[in-house]
Protein backbone atom coordinates (compact mmCIF):
# COMPACT_ATOMS: atom_id res chain seq x y z
CA CYS A 1 4.74 25.44 -66.97
CA GLY A 2 4.78 27.50 -70.16
CA LYS A 3 6.29 24.65 -72.24
CA ALA A 4 3.77 22.06 -71.05
CA LYS A 5 0.89 24.42 -71.72
CA GLN A 6 2.32 25.30 -75.15
CA ASP A 7 2.70 21.61 -76.04
CA PHE A 8 -1.00 20.97 -75.40
CA GLN A 9 -2.04 24.11 -77.27
CA THR A 10 0.18 23.21 -80.23
CA ALA A 11 -1.45 19.80 -80.40
CA GLY A 12 -4.88 21.46 -80.32
CA VAL A 13 -5.74 19.89 -76.95
CA PRO A 14 -7.77 22.22 -74.67
CA LEU A 15 -6.70 22.52 -71.03
CA ARG A 16 -9.20 21.29 -68.46
CA LYS A 17 -10.36 23.08 -65.34
CA GLY A 18 -12.79 22.25 -62.58
CA GLN A 19 -13.27 18.95 -60.77
CA TRP A 20 -10.61 16.28 -61.25
CA THR A 21 -11.56 12.89 -62.67
CA MET A 22 -10.39 9.62 -61.15
CA GLU A 23 -8.32 9.05 -64.29
CA GLU A 24 -6.46 12.31 -63.68
CA ILE A 25 -5.98 11.56 -59.98
CA ASN A 26 -4.57 8.11 -60.75
CA LEU A 27 -2.23 9.61 -63.35
CA LEU A 28 -1.02 12.20 -60.88
CA GLN A 29 -0.34 9.50 -58.26
CA ASP A 30 1.55 7.37 -60.81
CA ASN A 31 3.66 10.37 -61.87
CA VAL A 32 4.48 11.24 -58.25
CA ASN A 33 5.34 7.63 -57.39
CA ASN A 34 7.61 7.36 -60.45
CA TYR A 35 9.43 10.55 -59.49
CA VAL A 36 9.95 9.39 -55.90
CA ALA A 37 11.18 5.98 -57.14
CA THR A 38 13.85 7.64 -59.31
CA HIS A 39 14.92 10.13 -56.62
CA PRO A 40 16.05 8.20 -53.53
CA GLY A 41 15.65 9.94 -50.20
CA THR A 42 12.53 11.83 -51.23
CA SER A 43 8.84 11.39 -50.48
CA ALA A 44 5.66 12.90 -51.85
CA SER A 45 4.94 14.65 -48.56
CA ASP A 46 8.44 16.10 -48.34
CA LEU A 47 8.46 17.31 -51.96
CA ILE A 48 5.03 18.92 -51.76
CA PHE A 49 5.09 20.46 -48.29
CA SER A 50 8.59 21.07 -47.01
CA ALA A 51 11.29 20.72 -49.71
CA ASP A 52 12.94 23.90 -50.93
CA ARG A 53 12.75 24.99 -54.57
CA MET A 54 16.06 23.39 -55.57
CA LYS A 55 15.20 20.02 -54.05
CA ARG A 56 11.85 19.79 -55.84
CA LYS A 57 13.13 21.19 -59.14
CA GLY A 58 11.40 19.37 -62.00
CA PHE A 59 9.03 17.55 -59.65
CA TYR A 60 5.83 19.30 -60.67
CA LEU A 61 6.67 19.09 -64.37
CA GLN A 62 6.88 15.31 -64.06
CA ALA A 63 3.85 15.17 -61.76
CA ALA A 64 1.81 17.04 -64.39
CA GLU A 65 2.98 14.91 -67.32
CA GLY A 66 0.04 13.84 -69.47
CA ILE A 67 -2.47 15.80 -67.39
CA ARG A 68 -4.31 18.34 -69.54
CA ARG A 69 -4.33 21.07 -66.91
CA PRO A 70 -2.32 24.26 -66.17
CA LEU A 71 0.66 23.52 -63.94
CA ASN A 72 -0.59 25.81 -61.18
CA ASN A 73 -3.83 23.79 -61.10
CA VAL A 74 -1.82 20.57 -60.70
CA TYR A 75 0.20 22.22 -57.93
CA THR A 76 -2.92 23.33 -56.03
CA PHE A 77 -4.64 19.95 -56.35
CA ALA A 78 -1.52 18.03 -55.28
CA LYS A 79 -1.29 20.10 -52.09
CA ARG A 80 -4.90 19.28 -51.24
CA HIS A 81 -4.73 15.63 -52.28
CA TYR A 82 -1.56 14.78 -50.37
CA ALA A 83 -2.28 16.96 -47.34
CA PRO A 84 -2.09 15.00 -44.08
CA ALA A 85 -4.99 15.10 -41.65
CA LEU A 86 -4.28 18.58 -40.36
CA LYS A 87 -5.31 19.74 -36.95
CA THR A 88 -8.05 22.37 -36.80
CA GLY A 89 -10.00 24.20 -34.12
CA ARG A 90 -8.97 26.10 -31.01
CA TYR A 91 -5.33 26.65 -30.09
CA SER A 92 -4.08 25.65 -26.68
CA ALA A 93 -1.89 28.04 -24.69
CA GLU A 94 1.07 25.77 -25.46
CA GLU A 95 0.35 25.96 -29.20
CA GLU A 96 0.13 29.76 -29.07
CA ASP A 97 3.53 29.90 -27.36
CA GLN A 98 4.92 27.41 -29.89
CA LEU A 99 3.60 29.50 -32.80
CA LEU A 100 5.25 32.66 -31.49
CA ALA A 101 8.52 30.79 -30.89
CA LEU A 102 8.52 29.25 -34.37
CA TYR A 103 7.87 32.62 -35.99
CA GLU A 104 10.78 34.05 -34.02
CA LYS A 105 12.96 31.25 -35.41
CA PHE A 106 11.72 30.90 -39.01
CA GLY A 107 9.98 34.20 -39.75
CA ALA A 108 7.02 34.08 -42.16
CA ARG A 109 7.84 30.60 -43.53
CA TRP A 110 4.29 29.43 -42.87
CA THR A 111 4.57 26.17 -44.82
CA LYS A 112 7.48 25.06 -42.64
CA ILE A 113 5.76 26.19 -39.45
CA GLY A 114 2.57 24.42 -40.58
CA ALA A 115 4.47 21.16 -41.12
CA ILE A 116 5.86 21.35 -37.59
CA MET A 117 2.54 22.22 -35.95
CA ASN A 118 0.45 19.98 -38.23
CA ARG A 119 -1.80 22.89 -39.19
CA ALA A 120 -2.53 24.62 -42.49
CA PRO A 121 -0.24 27.60 -43.27
CA GLU A 122 -2.93 30.23 -43.96
CA PRO A 123 -4.80 29.86 -40.61
CA LEU A 124 -1.45 29.91 -38.80
CA CYS A 125 -0.58 33.22 -40.41
CA MET A 126 -3.94 34.69 -39.37
CA LYS A 127 -3.62 33.27 -35.86
CA TYR A 128 -0.15 34.78 -35.46
CA ARG A 129 -1.40 38.24 -36.39
CA ALA A 130 -4.32 37.91 -33.99
CA LEU A 131 -1.96 36.83 -31.19
CA VAL A 132 0.36 39.78 -31.75
CA ASP A 133 -2.56 42.24 -31.71
CA LYS A 134 -4.06 40.61 -28.63
CA ARG A 135 -0.83 40.70 -26.65
CA ARG A 136 -0.17 44.30 -27.66
CA VAL A 137 -3.60 45.32 -26.37
CA LEU A 138 -3.11 43.36 -23.15
CA LYS A 139 0.26 45.00 -22.58
CA ASP A 140 -1.22 48.46 -23.03
CA THR A 141 -4.16 47.59 -20.77
CA GLU A 142 -2.06 46.13 -17.98
CA GLU A 143 0.93 48.44 -17.99
CA VAL A 144 -0.37 51.77 -19.20
CA LYS A 145 -2.93 54.10 -17.72
CA SER A 146 -5.24 56.07 -19.99
CA HIS A 147 -5.75 59.19 -17.86
CA TRP A 148 -2.86 61.64 -17.74
CA ALA A 149 -2.14 63.13 -14.32
CA ALA A 150 -0.92 66.71 -14.13
CA GLU A 151 2.48 65.48 -12.95
CA GLU A 152 2.79 63.23 -16.02
CA ALA A 153 1.89 66.05 -18.37
CA GLU A 154 4.53 68.25 -16.76
CA LEU A 155 7.11 65.49 -17.05
CA LEU A 156 6.24 64.92 -20.73
CA THR A 157 6.63 68.63 -21.43
CA SER A 158 9.97 68.65 -19.64
CA VAL A 159 11.19 65.58 -21.56
CA VAL A 160 10.15 66.95 -24.95
CA ARG A 161 11.73 70.35 -24.24
CA SER A 162 14.89 68.69 -22.95
CA ILE A 163 15.32 66.41 -25.97
CA THR A 164 14.60 69.11 -28.56
CA GLY A 165 16.39 71.94 -26.76
CA ILE A 166 13.38 74.20 -27.42
CA GLU A 167 12.49 75.92 -24.16
CA SER A 168 9.32 77.64 -25.35
CA GLY A 169 7.14 78.00 -28.41
CA PRO A 170 6.13 75.28 -30.89
CA VAL A 171 8.25 72.17 -31.24
CA THR A 172 9.02 71.89 -34.94
CA LYS A 173 11.80 69.30 -34.72
CA SER A 174 10.99 65.66 -35.41
CA LEU A 175 11.12 63.50 -32.31
CA ASN A 176 11.93 59.87 -31.65
CA TRP A 177 8.94 59.08 -29.45
CA GLU A 178 10.43 55.76 -28.36
CA THR A 179 13.20 57.81 -26.74
CA VAL A 180 10.60 60.02 -25.08
CA ALA A 181 8.64 57.00 -23.82
CA ARG A 182 11.73 55.52 -22.17
CA ARG A 183 11.74 58.55 -19.87
CA MET A 184 8.00 58.30 -19.21
CA PRO A 185 7.33 55.36 -16.83
CA GLY A 186 4.24 53.39 -17.82
CA ARG A 187 3.67 55.20 -21.09
CA THR A 188 4.10 54.06 -24.70
CA ALA A 189 5.56 56.07 -27.56
CA VAL A 190 2.14 56.31 -29.21
CA GLN A 191 0.52 57.68 -26.04
CA CYS A 192 3.25 60.25 -25.54
CA ARG A 193 2.99 61.47 -29.11
CA ARG A 194 -0.80 61.69 -29.03
CA HIS A 195 -0.95 63.52 -25.71
CA TRP A 196 1.67 65.99 -26.84
CA PHE A 197 0.06 66.91 -30.14
CA ARG A 198 -3.58 66.59 -29.14
CA VAL A 199 -3.42 68.22 -25.72
CA LEU A 200 -0.17 69.90 -24.67
CA ALA A 201 0.83 71.41 -28.02
CA VAL A 202 -2.70 72.69 -28.53
CA GLN A 203 -2.76 74.30 -25.08
CA GLY A 204 0.59 75.95 -25.58
CA GLU A 205 0.08 77.29 -29.10
CA LYS A 206 -3.64 77.82 -29.40
CA VAL A 207 -5.00 80.25 -31.98
CA ASP A 208 -8.12 82.28 -31.36
CA TRP A 209 -10.24 80.68 -34.06
CA GLY A 210 -12.85 83.32 -34.59
CA THR A 211 -14.87 83.83 -37.77
CA SER A 212 -12.08 85.77 -39.48
CA GLU A 213 -9.51 83.02 -38.84
CA ARG A 214 -11.89 80.38 -40.12
CA ILE A 215 -12.51 82.36 -43.31
CA THR A 216 -8.76 82.84 -43.70
CA MET A 217 -8.27 79.08 -43.50
CA ILE A 218 -11.02 78.35 -46.04
CA ARG A 219 -9.59 80.87 -48.50
CA ALA A 220 -6.03 79.67 -47.94
CA ILE A 221 -7.07 76.10 -48.77
CA CYS A 222 -8.94 77.36 -51.85
CA GLU A 223 -5.77 79.07 -53.08
CA CYS A 224 -4.06 75.67 -53.11
CA ARG A 225 -6.39 74.73 -55.99
CA ILE A 226 -6.75 71.11 -54.86
CA LEU A 227 -9.82 69.29 -56.16
CA ASP A 228 -9.42 66.48 -53.68
CA GLY A 229 -6.69 64.82 -51.62
CA GLU A 230 -4.23 65.86 -48.92
CA ILE A 231 -4.02 69.52 -47.94
CA PRO A 232 -0.41 70.87 -47.80
CA TRP A 233 -0.59 71.85 -44.14
CA SER A 234 3.12 72.51 -43.76
CA ASP A 235 3.02 75.08 -46.55
CA LEU A 236 -0.10 76.73 -45.16
CA ARG A 237 1.42 76.84 -41.70
CA ALA A 238 4.58 78.52 -42.96
CA LYS A 239 2.59 81.16 -44.85
CA HIS A 240 -0.28 81.93 -42.47
CA TRP A 241 0.24 80.39 -39.01
CA PRO A 242 3.98 79.92 -38.37
CA ASP A 243 3.50 79.54 -34.62
CA THR A 244 0.73 76.95 -34.82
CA PRO A 245 1.42 73.19 -35.00
CA VAL A 246 0.16 71.39 -38.07
CA THR A 247 -1.93 69.12 -35.83
CA VAL A 248 -3.84 72.13 -34.51
CA LEU A 249 -4.49 73.39 -38.04
CA ARG A 250 -5.66 69.99 -39.19
CA ASN A 251 -7.99 69.60 -36.19
CA GLN A 252 -9.42 73.07 -36.78
CA TRP A 253 -10.13 72.19 -40.41
CA HIS A 254 -11.96 69.05 -39.34
CA ASP A 255 -14.08 71.19 -37.01
CA ILE A 256 -14.89 73.61 -39.85
CA ARG A 257 -15.64 70.85 -42.33
CA ARG A 258 -18.06 68.97 -40.10
CA HIS A 259 -20.58 71.82 -40.45
CA VAL A 260 -21.10 70.82 -44.09
CA PRO A 261 -23.88 68.18 -44.29
CA GLY A 262 -22.61 64.91 -45.74
CA HIS A 263 -19.06 66.23 -46.01
CA PHE A 264 -17.61 62.72 -45.82
CA ASN A 265 -19.20 61.95 -49.20
CA LEU A 266 -17.96 65.15 -50.87
CA THR A 267 -14.68 66.07 -52.51
CA LEU A 268 -12.52 68.79 -51.00
CA ALA A 269 -13.56 71.19 -53.77
CA GLU A 270 -17.25 70.52 -53.06
CA VAL A 271 -16.78 71.08 -49.31
CA LEU A 272 -14.99 74.38 -49.93
CA SER A 273 -17.66 75.50 -52.38
CA GLN A 274 -20.37 74.82 -49.82
CA LEU A 275 -18.48 76.67 -47.08
CA LEU A 276 -17.98 79.72 -49.29
CA THR A 277 -21.64 79.67 -50.32
CA ASP A 278 -22.78 79.54 -46.71
CA GLY A 279 -20.46 82.46 -46.00
């Protein structure tokens, strides 16, 4: 690519961009046909859409010969010009299953998958992501309840305490929530983690957040001298609230901060300044 571009620049010939002329298209087709004729067992479609890098080595240099354009422009145009009549529109249930199966087999090799399914690679990639998200949501909707019964909450507490070996007080050890979920029928790891930190941990280790505690938190954050960015909650917890989970501290800060008008458009330093001014 660099050599071809340099050759044109050395000769004082400017590189073209924009719409291709018929002369350029005919030259591209002649170059491709000449390459295929001198490389038995190849075809334009195979070289452009499915051949690996070693098999098509030198192909695009010959295809671009005499064409006053950057090689990447020749590459892009060739893919459009030689593209077969690709299928578009809605996917059938069989195609969705085929797409998932092909991804399982080939991974993110979208050009190869596109050649098999006769669809463009980029829409296939987007469709795959949409399918994965859709099936994940359906799984959660069908298999998992949203409301936590008292018996479930008790079981979750028992499982967490059993795994960590901490019988009472805050759970400071990191947990593999997939392991927890395997002992919680009908619950995912994400649900277990959220219910523990947002409900059970808060109930068990709640601080009486009166005015003095709120002021203490504001001043403690000020002492960190952070203009903006993430607050070092672990450090603050160790110094001021050793028995309070970080999640509780973070939630309390969000509750304090929301009293500042337009806080979401302010830096941390500006929010703190406003809180201290309001007293």
